[in-house]
C-alpha atoms as a PDB file:
ATOM      1  CA  MET A   1     -16.249  -3.750  -3.016  1.00  0.00           C
ATOM      2  CA  VAL A   2     -16.126  -4.353  -6.770  1.00  0.00           C
ATOM      3  CA  LYS A   3     -13.800  -6.699  -8.576  1.00  0.00           C
ATOM      4  CA  SER A   4     -10.101  -5.990  -8.541  1.00  0.00           C
ATOM      5  CA  ALA A   5      -8.500  -4.490 -11.619  1.00  0.00           C
ATOM      6  CA  THR A   6      -4.788  -4.790 -12.206  1.00  0.00           C
ATOM      7  CA  ASN A   7      -2.339  -6.987 -14.003  1.00  0.00           C
ATOM      8  CA  VAL A   8      -2.179  -9.204 -10.913  1.00  0.00           C
ATOM      9  CA  GLY A   9      -5.234  -8.160  -8.871  1.00  0.00           C
ATOM     10  CA  VAL A  10      -5.717  -7.477  -5.182  1.00  0.00           C
ATOM     11  CA  LYS A  11      -6.211 -11.138  -4.233  1.00  0.00           C
ATOM     12  CA  GLU A  12      -2.873 -11.941  -5.821  1.00  0.00           C
ATOM     13  CA  GLU A  13      -1.314  -8.920  -4.098  1.00  0.00           C
ATOM     14  CA  VAL A  14      -2.696 -10.051  -0.726  1.00  0.00           C
ATOM     15  CA  LYS A  15      -1.247 -13.511  -1.341  1.00  0.00           C
ATOM     16  CA  LYS A  16       2.126 -11.985  -2.226  1.00  0.00           C
ATOM     17  CA  VAL A  17       2.085  -9.877   0.941  1.00  0.00           C
ATOM     18  CA  GLU A  18       1.210 -12.903   3.063  1.00  0.00           C
ATOM     19  CA  GLN A  19       4.005 -14.911   1.452  1.00  0.00           C
ATOM     20  CA  LYS A  20       6.413 -12.025   1.968  1.00  0.00           C
ATOM     21  CA  HIS A  21       5.374 -11.817   5.607  1.00  0.00           C
ATOM     22  CA  GLN A  22       5.965 -15.538   6.091  1.00  0.00           C
ATOM     23  CA  GLN A  23       9.361 -15.232   4.428  1.00  0.00           C
ATOM     24  CA  THR A  24      10.220 -12.148   6.493  1.00  0.00           C
ATOM     25  CA  ALA A  25       9.136 -13.847   9.707  1.00  0.00           C
ATOM     26  CA  GLN A  26      11.257 -16.881   8.895  1.00  0.00           C
ATOM     27  CA  GLU A  27      14.263 -14.694   8.100  1.00  0.00           C
ATOM     28  CA  ILE A  28      13.850 -12.935  11.446  1.00  0.00           C
ATOM     29  CA  LEU A  29      13.584 -16.241  13.294  1.00  0.00           C
ATOM     30  CA  ASN A  30      16.634 -17.635  11.487  1.00  0.00           C
ATOM     31  CA  SER A  31      18.562 -14.477  12.351  1.00  0.00           C
ATOM     32  CA  ILE A  32      17.538 -14.804  15.985  1.00  0.00           C
ATOM     33  CA  LYS A  33      18.834 -18.373  16.155  1.00  0.00           C
ATOM     34  CA  THR A  34      22.171 -17.181  14.807  1.00  0.00           C
ATOM     35  CA  ASP A  35      22.508 -13.962  16.763  1.00  0.00           C
ATOM     36  CA  GLN A  36      20.644 -14.570  20.011  1.00  0.00           C
ATOM     37  CA  LYS A  37      23.576 -16.134  21.802  1.00  0.00           C
ATOM     38  CA  LEU A  38      25.761 -13.169  20.910  1.00  0.00           C
ATOM     39  CA  MET A  39      23.061 -10.765  22.082  1.00  0.00           C
ATOM     40  CA  ASP A  40      22.621 -12.648  25.343  1.00  0.00           C
ATOM     41  CA  GLU A  41      26.347 -12.466  25.966  1.00  0.00           C
ATOM     42  CA  LEU A  42      26.515  -8.680  25.622  1.00  0.00           C
ATOM     43  CA  ASN A  43      27.471  -6.976  28.859  1.00  0.00           C
ATOM     44  CA  ASP A  44      25.809  -3.742  29.981  1.00  0.00           C
ATOM     45  CA  ASP A  45      28.556  -1.550  28.548  1.00  0.00           C
ATOM     46  CA  GLN A  46      28.303  -3.220  25.140  1.00  0.00           C
ATOM     47  CA  ARG A  47      24.521  -2.829  25.141  1.00  0.00           C
ATOM     48  CA  ASP A  48      24.929   0.847  26.020  1.00  0.00           C
ATOM     49  CA  VAL A  49      27.254   1.348  23.049  1.00  0.00           C
ATOM     50  CA  LEU A  50      24.802  -0.343  20.655  1.00  0.00           C
ATOM     51  CA  ILE A  51      21.888   1.660  22.012  1.00  0.00           C
ATOM     52  CA  ALA A  52      23.769   4.962  21.804  1.00  0.00           C
ATOM     53  CA  ASP A  53      24.871   4.235  18.227  1.00  0.00           C
ATOM     54  CA  PHE A  54      21.331   3.308  17.138  1.00  0.00           C
ATOM     55  CA  ASN A  55      19.795   6.371  18.780  1.00  0.00           C
ATOM     56  CA  GLU A  56      22.347   8.688  17.164  1.00  0.00           C
ATOM     57  CA  LYS A  57      21.728   7.262  13.698  1.00  0.00           C
ATOM     58  CA  ASN A  58      17.922   7.282  14.073  1.00  0.00           C
ATOM     59  CA  LYS A  59      17.455  10.540  15.964  1.00  0.00           C
ATOM     60  CA  GLY A  60      13.868  11.761  15.735  1.00  0.00           C
ATOM     61  CA  ILE A  61      12.676   8.499  14.163  1.00  0.00           C
ATOM     62  CA  ALA A  62      13.079   5.834  16.829  1.00  0.00           C
ATOM     63  CA  GLU A  63      15.065   5.144  19.958  1.00  0.00           C
ATOM     64  CA  LEU A  64      16.206   2.114  21.908  1.00  0.00           C
ATOM     65  CA  VAL A  65      15.711   2.091  25.661  1.00  0.00           C
ATOM     66  CA  HIS A  66      17.786   0.237  28.223  1.00  0.00           C
ATOM     67  CA  GLU A  67      14.884  -1.819  29.554  1.00  0.00           C
ATOM     68  CA  LYS A  68      14.813  -5.310  28.054  1.00  0.00           C
ATOM     69  CA  PRO A  69      11.596  -6.539  26.402  1.00  0.00           C
ATOM     70  CA  ASP A  70       9.457  -9.240  27.965  1.00  0.00           C
ATOM     71  CA  GLU A  71       7.494 -11.877  26.058  1.00  0.00           C
ATOM     72  CA  ASP A  72       4.309  -9.760  25.988  1.00  0.00           C
ATOM     73  CA  TYR A  73       6.195  -6.889  24.361  1.00  0.00           C
ATOM     74  CA  VAL A  74       7.735  -9.164  21.720  1.00  0.00           C
ATOM     75  CA  ASN A  75       4.341 -10.675  20.912  1.00  0.00           C
ATOM     76  CA  GLN A  76       2.759  -7.223  20.674  1.00  0.00           C
ATOM     77  CA  CYS A  77       5.456  -6.046  18.251  1.00  0.00           C
ATOM     78  CA  LYS A  78       4.841  -9.117  16.107  1.00  0.00           C
ATOM     79  CA  GLN A  79       1.083  -8.499  16.165  1.00  0.00           C
ATOM     80  CA  ASP A  80       1.449  -4.818  15.291  1.00  0.00           C
ATOM     81  CA  PHE A  81       3.613  -5.705  12.289  1.00  0.00           C
ATOM     82  CA  GLU A  82       1.259  -8.422  11.067  1.00  0.00           C
ATOM     83  CA  ASP A  83      -1.844  -6.251  11.510  1.00  0.00           C
ATOM     84  CA  TYR A  84      -0.384  -3.319   9.573  1.00  0.00           C
ATOM     85  CA  GLN A  85       1.504  -5.131   6.822  1.00  0.00           C
ATOM     86  CA  GLY A  86      -1.446  -5.201   4.429  1.00  0.00           C
ATOM     87  CA  GLU A  87      -2.858  -1.788   5.438  1.00  0.00           C
ATOM     88  CA  TYR A  88      -2.664  -0.267   1.954  1.00  0.00           C
ATOM     89  CA  LEU A  89      -4.669  -3.178   0.517  1.00  0.00           C
ATOM     90  CA  LYS A  90      -7.627  -2.418   2.782  1.00  0.00           C
ATOM     91  CA  LEU A  91      -8.089   1.226   1.829  1.00  0.00           C
ATOM     92  CA  ASP A  92     -10.390   2.916  -0.687  1.00  0.00           C
ATOM     93  CA  TYR A  93      -8.706   5.589  -2.804  1.00  0.00           C
ATOM     94  CA  GLU A  94     -10.797   8.556  -3.923  1.00  0.00           C
ATOM     95  CA  VAL A  95     -10.354   9.458  -7.600  1.00  0.00           C
ATOM     96  CA  CYS A  96     -12.317  12.721  -7.571  1.00  0.00           C
ATOM     97  CA  ASP A  97     -15.117  14.497  -5.739  1.00  0.00           C
ATOM     98  CA  ALA A  98     -18.760  13.471  -6.090  1.00  0.00           C
ATOM     99  CA  LYS A  99     -19.444  16.273  -8.575  1.00  0.00           C
ATOM    100  CA  HIS A 100     -17.118  14.741 -11.184  1.00  0.00           C
ATOM    101  CA  SER A 101     -17.433  11.049 -10.297  1.00  0.00           C
ATOM    102  CA  ILE A 102     -19.741   9.845 -13.092  1.00  0.00           C
ATOM    103  CA  GLU A 103     -18.022  12.081 -15.642  1.00  0.00           C
ATOM    104  CA  PHE A 104     -14.564  10.800 -14.706  1.00  0.00           C
ATOM    105  CA  ALA A 105     -15.727   7.173 -14.493  1.00  0.00           C
ATOM    106  CA  LYS A 106     -17.111   7.348 -18.037  1.00  0.00           C
ATOM    107  CA  TRP A 107     -13.946   9.105 -19.179  1.00  0.00           C
ATOM    108  CA  LEU A 108     -11.874   6.265 -17.719  1.00  0.00           C
ATOM    109  CA  LYS A 109     -14.111   3.744 -19.486  1.00  0.00           C
ATOM    110  CA  ALA A 110     -13.374   5.460 -22.824  1.00  0.00           C
ATOM    111  CA  TRP A 111      -9.672   5.787 -22.002  1.00  0.00           C
ATOM    112  CA  ASN A 112      -9.411   2.084 -21.189  1.00  0.00           C
ATOM    113  CA  THR A 113     -11.400   1.144 -24.311  1.00  0.00           C
ATOM    114  CA  ASP A 114      -9.722   3.314 -26.919  1.00  0.00           C
ATOM    115  CA  HIS A 115      -6.418   4.727 -25.692  1.00  0.00           C
ATOM    116  CA  VAL A 116      -4.617   2.331 -23.349  1.00  0.00           C
ATOM    117  CA  VAL A 117      -1.403   0.766 -24.621  1.00  0.00           C
ATOM    118  CA  ALA A 118      -0.903  -2.306 -22.429  1.00  0.00           C
ATOM    119  CA  PRO A 119       2.616  -3.752 -22.170  1.00  0.00           C
ATOM    120  CA  ALA A 120       3.338  -7.405 -21.362  1.00  0.00           C
ATOM    121  CA  ASN A 121       0.483  -9.062 -19.436  1.00  0.00           C
ATOM    122  CA  TYR A 122      -1.320  -5.793 -18.708  1.00  0.00           C
ATOM    123  CA  TRP A 123      -3.881  -6.879 -21.308  1.00  0.00           C
ATOM    124  CA  ILE A 124      -5.411  -8.879 -18.445  1.00  0.00           C
ATOM    125  CA  GLY A 125      -5.784  -5.651 -16.490  1.00  0.00           C
ATOM    126  CA  VAL A 126      -7.457  -3.964 -19.470  1.00  0.00           C
ATOM    127  CA  LEU A 127     -10.146  -6.652 -19.526  1.00  0.00           C
ATOM    128  CA  ARG A 128     -10.613  -6.615 -15.756  1.00  0.00           C
ATOM    129  CA  PHE A 129     -10.744  -2.845 -15.529  1.00  0.00           C
ATOM    130  CA  ASP A 130     -13.409  -2.739 -18.246  1.00  0.00           C
ATOM    131  CA  GLU A 131     -15.622  -4.886 -16.007  1.00  0.00           C
ATOM    132  CA  VAL A 132     -14.714  -2.893 -12.926  1.00  0.00           C
ATOM    133  CA  ILE A 133     -15.351   0.549 -14.373  1.00  0.00           C
ATOM    134  CA  ASP A 134     -18.759  -0.628 -15.634  1.00  0.00           C
ATOM    135  CA  GLU A 135     -19.595  -1.650 -12.055  1.00  0.00           C
ATOM    136  CA  TYR A 136     -18.405   1.717 -10.754  1.00  0.00           C
ATOM    137  CA  ILE A 137     -20.532   3.597 -13.297  1.00  0.00           C
ATOM    138  CA  LYS A 138     -23.630   1.548 -12.423  1.00  0.00           C
ATOM    139  CA  ALA A 139     -22.993   2.028  -8.699  1.00  0.00           C
ATOM    140  CA  LEU A 140     -22.636   5.793  -9.152  1.00  0.00           C
ATOM    141  CA  GLU A 141     -25.825   5.995 -11.212  1.00  0.00           C
ATOM    142  CA  ASP A 142     -27.726   3.836  -8.689  1.00  0.00           C
ATOM    143  CA  GLY A 143     -26.186   5.634  -5.723  1.00  0.00           C
ATOM    144  CA  LYS A 144     -25.313   2.357  -3.994  1.00  0.00           C
ATOM    145  CA  ILE A 145     -22.866  -0.493  -4.248  1.00  0.00           C
ATOM    146  CA  ALA A 146     -23.069  -4.110  -3.104  1.00  0.00           C
ATOM    147  CA  ILE A 147     -20.894  -5.265  -0.233  1.00  0.00           C
ATOM    148  CA  LYS A 148     -19.016  -8.519  -0.830  1.00  0.00           C
ATOM    149  CA  ASP A 149     -18.600 -11.330   1.649  1.00  0.00           C
ATOM    150  CA  PRO A 150     -14.855 -11.271   2.426  1.00  0.00           C
ATOM    151  CA  SER A 151     -14.743 -15.048   2.840  1.00  0.00           C
ATOM    152  CA  THR A 152     -16.301 -15.840  -0.567  1.00  0.00           C
ATOM    153  CA  GLY A 153     -15.840 -12.649  -2.573  1.00  0.00           C
ATOM    154  CA  LYS A 154     -19.500 -12.802  -3.612  1.00  0.00           C
ATOM    155  CA  ALA A 155     -21.908  -9.863  -3.433  1.00  0.00           C
ATOM    156  CA  THR A 156     -24.313  -9.863  -0.490  1.00  0.00           C
ATOM    157  CA  ASP A 157     -27.760  -8.329  -0.084  1.00  0.00           C
ATOM    158  CA  ILE A 158     -26.148  -5.509   1.890  1.00  0.00           C
ATOM    159  CA  THR A 159     -25.424  -2.266   0.063  1.00  0.00           C
ATOM    160  CA  LYS A 160     -23.757   0.997   0.991  1.00  0.00           C
ATOM    161  CA  GLU A 161     -24.179   4.507  -0.334  1.00  0.00           C
ATOM    162  CA  TYR A 162     -21.850   5.209  -3.250  1.00  0.00           C
ATOM    163  CA  LYS A 163     -21.521   8.754  -4.561  1.00  0.00           C
ATOM    164  CA  THR A 164     -17.779   9.286  -4.958  1.00  0.00           C
ATOM    165  CA  LEU A 165     -15.593   7.329  -7.370  1.00  0.00           C
ATOM    166  CA  THR A 166     -13.099   5.350  -5.282  1.00  0.00           C
ATOM    167  CA  PHE A 167     -10.641   2.658  -6.325  1.00  0.00           C
ATOM    168  CA  ASP A 168      -9.213  -0.321  -4.508  1.00  0.00           C
ATOM    169  CA  TYR A 169      -5.449  -0.884  -4.576  1.00  0.00           C
ATOM    170  CA  GLY A 170      -5.624  -2.964  -7.757  1.00  0.00           C
ATOM    171  CA  ALA A 171      -7.553  -0.394  -9.790  1.00  0.00           C
ATOM    172  CA  LEU A 172      -5.385   2.400  -8.394  1.00  0.00           C
ATOM    173  CA  THR A 173      -2.108   0.806  -9.458  1.00  0.00           C
ATOM    174  CA  TYR A 174      -3.450  -0.326 -12.844  1.00  0.00           C
ATOM    175  CA  VAL A 175      -4.637   3.145 -13.846  1.00  0.00           C
ATOM    176  CA  TYR A 176      -1.687   4.973 -12.309  1.00  0.00           C
ATOM    177  CA  ASN A 177       0.961   2.757 -13.910  1.00  0.00           C
ATOM    178  CA  LEU A 178      -0.479   3.123 -17.412  1.00  0.00           C
ATOM    179  CA  MET A 179      -1.333   6.817 -17.126  1.00  0.00           C
ATOM    180  CA  MET A 180       2.196   7.526 -15.910  1.00  0.00           C
ATOM    181  CA  GLN A 181       3.550   6.124 -19.180  1.00  0.00           C
ATOM    182  CA  PRO A 182       1.119   7.246 -21.908  1.00  0.00           C
ATOM    183  CA  MET A 183       1.840   5.850 -25.349  1.00  0.00           C
ATOM    184  CA  GLY A 184       0.141   6.138 -28.701  1.00  0.00           C
ATOM    185  CA  VAL A 185       0.669   6.448 -32.416  1.00  0.00           C
ATOM    186  CA  GLY A 186       0.477   9.440 -34.712  1.00  0.00           C
ATOM    187  CA  ILE A 187      -1.391  12.700 -34.847  1.00  0.00           C
ATOM    188  CA  GLU A 188      -4.747  11.280 -33.707  1.00  0.00           C
ATOM    189  CA  TYR A 189      -3.226  10.171 -30.403  1.00  0.00           C
ATOM    190  CA  ALA A 190      -1.431  13.513 -29.988  1.00  0.00           C
ATOM    191  CA  ARG A 191      -4.664  15.446 -30.577  1.00  0.00           C
ATOM    192  CA  TRP A 192      -6.537  13.284 -28.069  1.00  0.00           C
ATOM    193  CA  MET A 193      -3.868  13.894 -25.437  1.00  0.00           C
ATOM    194  CA  ALA A 194      -3.943  17.629 -26.125  1.00  0.00           C
ATOM    195  CA  GLU A 195      -7.737  17.745 -25.790  1.00  0.00           C
ATOM    196  CA  ASN A 196      -7.816  15.638 -22.605  1.00  0.00           C
ATOM    197  CA  GLN A 197      -4.950  17.086 -20.597  1.00  0.00           C
ATOM    198  CA  GLU A 198      -7.174  18.669 -17.932  1.00  0.00           C
ATOM    199  CA  THR A 199      -9.047  15.476 -17.033  1.00  0.00           C
ATOM    200  CA  TYR A 200      -5.979  13.285 -17.549  1.00  0.00           C
ATOM    201  CA  ASN A 201      -3.819  15.347 -15.201  1.00  0.00           C
ATOM    202  CA  ALA A 202      -6.592  15.759 -12.602  1.00  0.00           C
ATOM    203  CA  ILE A 203      -6.973  11.982 -12.298  1.00  0.00           C
ATOM    204  CA  LEU A 204      -3.242  11.237 -12.458  1.00  0.00           C
ATOM    205  CA  ASN A 205      -2.366  13.855  -9.833  1.00  0.00           C
ATOM    206  CA  LYS A 206      -4.995  12.515  -7.439  1.00  0.00           C
ATOM    207  CA  LEU A 207      -3.828   8.929  -7.892  1.00  0.00           C
ATOM    208  CA  GLY A 208      -0.240  10.090  -7.456  1.00  0.00           C
ATOM    209  CA  GLU A 209      -1.134  11.477  -4.029  1.00  0.00           C
ATOM    210  CA  HIS A 210      -2.380   8.030  -3.031  1.00  0.00           C
ATOM    211  CA  ILE A 211       0.746   6.326  -4.392  1.00  0.00           C
ATOM    212  CA  ASP A 212       2.857   8.710  -2.292  1.00  0.00           C
ATOM    213  CA  MET A 213       0.789   7.848   0.774  1.00  0.00           C
ATOM    214  CA  ILE A 214       1.228   4.121   0.109  1.00  0.00           C
ATOM    215  CA  SER A 215       5.001   4.599   0.033  1.00  0.00           C
ATOM    216  CA  LEU A 216       4.745   6.158   3.514  1.00  0.00           C
ATOM    217  CA  ILE A 217       2.612   3.255   4.735  1.00  0.00           C
ATOM    218  CA  LYS A 218       5.299   0.880   3.477  1.00  0.00           C
ATOM    219  CA  LYS A 219       7.916   2.886   5.397  1.00  0.00           C
ATOM    220  CA  LYS A 220       5.861   2.462   8.550  1.00  0.00           C
ATOM    221  CA  ILE A 221       5.600  -1.261   7.832  1.00  0.00           C
ATOM    222  CA  GLY A 222       9.401  -1.297   7.686  1.00  0.00           C
ATOM    223  CA  LEU A 223       9.608   0.459  11.058  1.00  0.00           C
ATOM    224  CA  LEU A 224       7.251  -2.031  12.666  1.00  0.00           C
ATOM    225  CA  GLN A 225       9.230  -4.910  11.177  1.00  0.00           C
ATOM    226  CA  SER A 226      12.452  -3.454  12.607  1.00  0.00           C
ATOM    227  CA  ARG A 227      10.836  -3.010  16.012  1.00  0.00           C
ATOM    228  CA  TRP A 228       9.769  -6.654  16.064  1.00  0.00           C
ATOM    229  CA  ALA A 229      13.204  -7.865  14.933  1.00  0.00           C
ATOM    230  CA  LEU A 230      14.910  -5.755  17.612  1.00  0.00           C
ATOM    231  CA  ALA A 231      12.456  -6.997  20.256  1.00  0.00           C
ATOM    232  CA  CYS A 232      13.326 -10.567  19.322  1.00  0.00           C
ATOM    233  CA  SER A 233      17.001  -9.663  19.761  1.00  0.00           C
ATOM    234  CA  GLY A 234      16.456  -8.238  23.242  1.00  0.00           C
ATOM    235  CA  PHE A 235      15.940  -4.516  22.597  1.00  0.00           C
ATOM    236  CA  LYS A 236      12.905  -2.276  23.110  1.00  0.00           C
ATOM    237  CA  MET A 237      12.371   0.372  20.454  1.00  0.00           C
ATOM    238  CA  ASN A 238      10.106   3.384  20.811  1.00  0.00           C
ATOM    239  CA  LEU A 239       8.784   4.981  17.629  1.00  0.00           C
ATOM    240  CA  LEU A 240       9.104   8.763  17.758  1.00  0.00           C
ATOM    241  CA  ILE A 241       6.985   9.437  14.650  1.00  0.00           C
ATOM    242  CA  ASP A 242       3.198   9.254  14.901  1.00  0.00           C
ATOM    243  CA  LYS A 243       2.001  10.767  11.610  1.00  0.00           C
ATOM    244  CA  LEU A 244       2.578   9.155   8.229  1.00  0.00           C
ATOM    245  CA  GLU A 245       3.465  12.475   6.613  1.00  0.00           C
ATOM    246  CA  ASP A 246       6.378  12.832   9.026  1.00  0.00           C
ATOM    247  CA  LEU A 247       8.003   9.823   7.334  1.00  0.00           C
ATOM    248  CA  LYS A 248       8.277  11.639   4.014  1.00  0.00           C
ATOM    249  CA  ASN A 249      11.947  12.577   4.297  1.00  0.00           C
ATOM    250  CA  VAL A 250      12.969   9.797   6.679  1.00  0.00           C
ATOM    251  CA  ASP A 251      15.905   7.543   5.752  1.00  0.00           C
ATOM    252  CA  LEU A 252      15.409   4.059   7.173  1.00  0.00           C
ATOM    253  CA  SER A 253      18.688   2.636   5.902  1.00  0.00           C
ATOM    254  CA  HIS A 254      20.139   2.662   9.443  1.00  0.00           C
ATOM    255  CA  MET A 255      17.464   0.327  10.762  1.00  0.00           C
END
């Protein structure tokens, strides 16, 4: 894994996710303290009404069952949510196939050097990405990349084969955000854009596919969070969607 490249970086993003999780968990616990007595006092008919209403609103997405959750189920829901919350930060995102990897990596080096217009504190990302893309180019030319110790972030003696240009979440979001809003000045910039449309669009479209997938992962995170919250409130929820792509047109506002 090479260094992160973004205006905040993956380490910062991981920290933000962990903080968000802690905040979310506390909000759930606070809600339970407030609502648990009311939930415990529901009679069977009232529970049936709530379950029927939920299942009607979330048909094909999730369903509540009449069986009440036990402690093991609640703990498992919590664990599933915690394990999956940072899923998109763990993935590698392919930029192009092996045939174009060195070409596109060098193109991105030139783009970052000569054509990026960096708003606000994105100048930090420009500097970081310059270091990162150099590491990617070297790794592609060597055919291997160093593995980093997750506890220290330092490179180890272990290497893995590296033939296809892949980004971490930080590099993905840095490049995608700036390529989605290209800016420049005058005829020289316009000519460069005209001459580089094929490569520009190929990279942007591929990164866009990953961004779309990340939005689906975040939807699934929301489902798992809802399942845990419902379990804490005395309801068992079954997810009816297995594949991420099936979440594409799903509205989770009823959860």
